[in-house]
Amino acid sequence: MAKDRSNGYEAVATHFSKCRGQAVNGIGTSTVRAWVRTIPQPATVLDLGCGTGIPISSMLMEEGMTVYGLDASPTMVKAYRQNFPTAPVVCEAAEESSLLSAISVPLKSEKSFC
């Protein structure tokens, strides 16, 4: 049996998309929006476990961020691509992601917003 790289999200992707994946002002948006407004622009954000991209990626894009999506569920990534056809997104487990291996870690002298 193949390992489920989505940690169970692929099995519930359709239900998740109908609930959380359509809530434009869903859980976490006000907190993330407040955080985004503290970051100097222009900025780039990785939405790790992006799902359909709604609400978080959508809100980040509305705030002027460049957003990269990463999710291990093929169904979620398909929905993300439908929602944001020009936004980059990869279907990979974070633990094995080529996208994450390409990101450089800030030096102590650089500002990190994590």
C-alpha atoms as a PDB file:
ATOM      1  CA  MET A   1       0.000   0.000   0.000  1.00  0.00           C
ATOM      2  CA  ALA A   2       1.341   3.436  -0.974  1.00  0.00           C
ATOM      3  CA  LYS A   3       1.956   5.978   1.761  1.00  0.00           C
ATOM      4  CA  ASP A   4      -0.619   8.789   1.906  1.00  0.00           C
ATOM      5  CA  ARG A   5       1.621  11.839   1.493  1.00  0.00           C
ATOM      6  CA  SER A   6      -1.339  14.153   2.174  1.00  0.00           C
ATOM      7  CA  ASN A   7      -1.725  12.868   5.747  1.00  0.00           C
ATOM      8  CA  GLY A   8      -5.385  12.034   5.168  1.00  0.00           C
ATOM      9  CA  TYR A   9      -6.458  15.200   3.353  1.00  0.00           C
ATOM     10  CA  GLU A  10      -6.814  13.486  -0.019  1.00  0.00           C
ATOM     11  CA  ALA A  11      -9.477  11.197   1.489  1.00  0.00           C
ATOM     12  CA  VAL A  12     -11.525  14.178   2.703  1.00  0.00           C
ATOM     13  CA  ALA A  13     -10.585  16.694  -0.015  1.00  0.00           C
ATOM     14  CA  THR A  14     -14.044  16.947  -1.582  1.00  0.00           C
ATOM     15  CA  HIS A  15     -15.756  17.552   1.767  1.00  0.00           C
ATOM     16  CA  PHE A  16     -13.005  19.944   2.892  1.00  0.00           C
ATOM     17  CA  SER A  17     -13.303  21.925  -0.354  1.00  0.00           C
ATOM     18  CA  LYS A  18     -17.056  22.335   0.095  1.00  0.00           C
ATOM     19  CA  CYS A  19     -16.661  23.599   3.662  1.00  0.00           C
ATOM     20  CA  ARG A  20     -13.394  25.379   4.397  1.00  0.00           C
ATOM     21  CA  GLY A  21     -12.320  25.678   0.784  1.00  0.00           C
ATOM     22  CA  GLN A  22     -15.092  28.137  -0.112  1.00  0.00           C
ATOM     23  CA  ALA A  23     -15.164  30.328   3.016  1.00  0.00           C
ATOM     24  CA  VAL A  24     -13.621  33.548   1.706  1.00  0.00           C
ATOM     25  CA  ASN A  25     -13.568  35.090   5.201  1.00  0.00           C
ATOM     26  CA  GLY A  26     -12.867  31.777   6.912  1.00  0.00           C
ATOM     27  CA  ILE A  27     -10.986  30.931  10.062  1.00  0.00           C
ATOM     28  CA  GLY A  28      -7.605  32.601  10.305  1.00  0.00           C
ATOM     29  CA  THR A  29      -8.062  35.321   7.696  1.00  0.00           C
ATOM     30  CA  SER A  30      -8.247  38.231  10.135  1.00  0.00           C
ATOM     31  CA  THR A  31      -5.114  37.038  11.949  1.00  0.00           C
ATOM     32  CA  VAL A  32      -3.178  36.482   8.730  1.00  0.00           C
ATOM     33  CA  ARG A  33      -4.364  39.813   7.285  1.00  0.00           C
ATOM     34  CA  ALA A  34      -3.072  41.635  10.391  1.00  0.00           C
ATOM     35  CA  TRP A  35       0.259  39.796  10.115  1.00  0.00           C
ATOM     36  CA  VAL A  36       0.583  40.581   6.397  1.00  0.00           C
ATOM     37  CA  ARG A  37       0.197  44.289   7.043  1.00  0.00           C
ATOM     38  CA  THR A  38       3.357  44.237   9.190  1.00  0.00           C
ATOM     39  CA  ILE A  39       5.521  42.909   6.348  1.00  0.00           C
ATOM     40  CA  PRO A  40       7.398  45.324   4.085  1.00  0.00           C
ATOM     41  CA  GLN A  41       6.167  45.135   0.494  1.00  0.00           C
ATOM     42  CA  PRO A  42       6.708  43.646  -1.982  1.00  0.00           C
ATOM     43  CA  ALA A  43       6.842  40.249  -0.304  1.00  0.00           C
ATOM     44  CA  THR A  44       6.571  36.593  -1.218  1.00  0.00           C
ATOM     45  CA  VAL A  45       4.765  34.019   0.921  1.00  0.00           C
ATOM     46  CA  LEU A  46       4.656  30.229   0.803  1.00  0.00           C
ATOM     47  CA  ASP A  47       1.198  28.891   1.680  1.00  0.00           C
ATOM     48  CA  LEU A  48       2.200  25.510   3.069  1.00  0.00           C
ATOM     49  CA  GLY A  49      -0.777  23.159   2.987  1.00  0.00           C
ATOM     50  CA  CYS A  50      -2.579  25.628   0.740  1.00  0.00           C
ATOM     51  CA  GLY A  51      -5.596  23.419   0.001  1.00  0.00           C
ATOM     52  CA  THR A  52      -7.909  25.204  -2.430  1.00  0.00           C
ATOM     53  CA  GLY A  53      -6.215  28.531  -1.707  1.00  0.00           C
ATOM     54  CA  ILE A  54      -9.382  29.890  -0.136  1.00  0.00           C
ATOM     55  CA  PRO A  55      -9.330  31.724   2.181  1.00  0.00           C
ATOM     56  CA  ILE A  56      -5.627  32.238   2.962  1.00  0.00           C
ATOM     57  CA  SER A  57      -3.887  32.394  -0.450  1.00  0.00           C
ATOM     58  CA  SER A  58      -6.762  34.467  -1.799  1.00  0.00           C
ATOM     59  CA  MET A  59      -6.453  36.999   1.009  1.00  0.00           C
ATOM     60  CA  LEU A  60      -2.650  37.121   0.694  1.00  0.00           C
ATOM     61  CA  MET A  61      -2.992  37.897  -3.016  1.00  0.00           C
ATOM     62  CA  GLU A  62      -5.594  40.583  -2.270  1.00  0.00           C
ATOM     63  CA  GLU A  63      -3.019  42.185   0.040  1.00  0.00           C
ATOM     64  CA  GLY A  64      -0.486  42.298  -2.807  1.00  0.00           C
ATOM     65  CA  MET A  65       1.666  39.321  -1.856  1.00  0.00           C
ATOM     66  CA  THR A  66       3.242  36.953  -4.336  1.00  0.00           C
ATOM     67  CA  VAL A  67       2.014  33.543  -3.190  1.00  0.00           C
ATOM     68  CA  TYR A  68       3.389  30.077  -3.848  1.00  0.00           C
ATOM     69  CA  GLY A  69       1.169  27.144  -2.910  1.00  0.00           C
ATOM     70  CA  LEU A  70       2.236  23.712  -1.727  1.00  0.00           C
ATOM     71  CA  ASP A  71      -0.110  20.854  -0.885  1.00  0.00           C
ATOM     72  CA  ALA A  72       0.230  17.077  -0.944  1.00  0.00           C
ATOM     73  CA  SER A  73      -3.371  16.412  -1.995  1.00  0.00           C
ATOM     74  CA  PRO A  74      -3.815  16.191  -5.790  1.00  0.00           C
ATOM     75  CA  THR A  75      -7.497  17.105  -5.425  1.00  0.00           C
ATOM     76  CA  MET A  76      -6.665  20.217  -3.413  1.00  0.00           C
ATOM     77  CA  VAL A  77      -3.972  21.299  -5.876  1.00  0.00           C
ATOM     78  CA  LYS A  78      -6.404  20.848  -8.770  1.00  0.00           C
ATOM     79  CA  ALA A  79      -8.896  23.129  -6.986  1.00  0.00           C
ATOM     80  CA  TYR A  80      -6.119  25.657  -6.239  1.00  0.00           C
ATOM     81  CA  ARG A  81      -5.207  25.759  -9.932  1.00  0.00           C
ATOM     82  CA  GLN A  82      -8.863  26.290 -10.848  1.00  0.00           C
ATOM     83  CA  ASN A  83      -9.141  29.138  -8.335  1.00  0.00           C
ATOM     84  CA  PHE A  84      -5.791  30.752  -9.239  1.00  0.00           C
ATOM     85  CA  PRO A  85      -4.751  29.672 -12.750  1.00  0.00           C
ATOM     86  CA  THR A  86      -1.621  31.836 -12.855  1.00  0.00           C
ATOM     87  CA  ALA A  87      -0.384  31.222  -9.304  1.00  0.00           C
ATOM     88  CA  PRO A  88       2.456  28.728  -8.860  1.00  0.00           C
ATOM     89  CA  VAL A  89       1.498  25.620  -6.889  1.00  0.00           C
ATOM     90  CA  VAL A  90       3.111  22.216  -6.457  1.00  0.00           C
ATOM     91  CA  CYS A  91       1.636  18.907  -5.380  1.00  0.00           C
ATOM     92  CA  GLU A  92       4.235  17.553  -3.000  1.00  0.00           C
ATOM     93  CA  ALA A  93       4.576  16.555   0.615  1.00  0.00           C
ATOM     94  CA  ALA A  94       6.375  19.310   2.505  1.00  0.00           C
ATOM     95  CA  GLU A  95       8.885  16.789   3.832  1.00  0.00           C
ATOM     96  CA  GLU A  96       9.955  15.945   0.264  1.00  0.00           C
ATOM     97  CA  SER A  97       9.298  19.222  -1.517  1.00  0.00           C
ATOM     98  CA  SER A  98      11.628  20.435  -4.240  1.00  0.00           C
ATOM     99  CA  LEU A  99      10.135  23.897  -3.664  1.00  0.00           C
ATOM    100  CA  LEU A 100      11.213  23.966  -0.019  1.00  0.00           C
ATOM    101  CA  SER A 101      14.703  22.738  -0.840  1.00  0.00           C
ATOM    102  CA  ALA A 102      15.090  25.727  -3.180  1.00  0.00           C
ATOM    103  CA  ILE A 103      14.303  28.295  -0.475  1.00  0.00           C
ATOM    104  CA  SER A 104      17.268  29.854   1.289  1.00  0.00           C
ATOM    105  CA  VAL A 105      17.108  30.302   5.041  1.00  0.00           C
ATOM    106  CA  PRO A 106      17.648  33.907   6.211  1.00  0.00           C
ATOM    107  CA  LEU A 107      20.895  34.705   7.954  1.00  0.00           C
ATOM    108  CA  LYS A 108      20.733  36.026  11.489  1.00  0.00           C
ATOM    109  CA  SER A 109      21.283  39.531  10.124  1.00  0.00           C
ATOM    110  CA  GLU A 110      18.298  39.202   7.777  1.00  0.00           C
ATOM    111  CA  LYS A 111      14.771  39.796   9.022  1.00  0.00           C
ATOM    112  CA  SER A 112      12.471  36.780   9.128  1.00  0.00           C
ATOM    113  CA  PHE A 113       8.724  37.041   9.578  1.00  0.00           C
ATOM    114  CA  CYS A 114       7.941  33.568  10.902  1.00  0.00           C
END
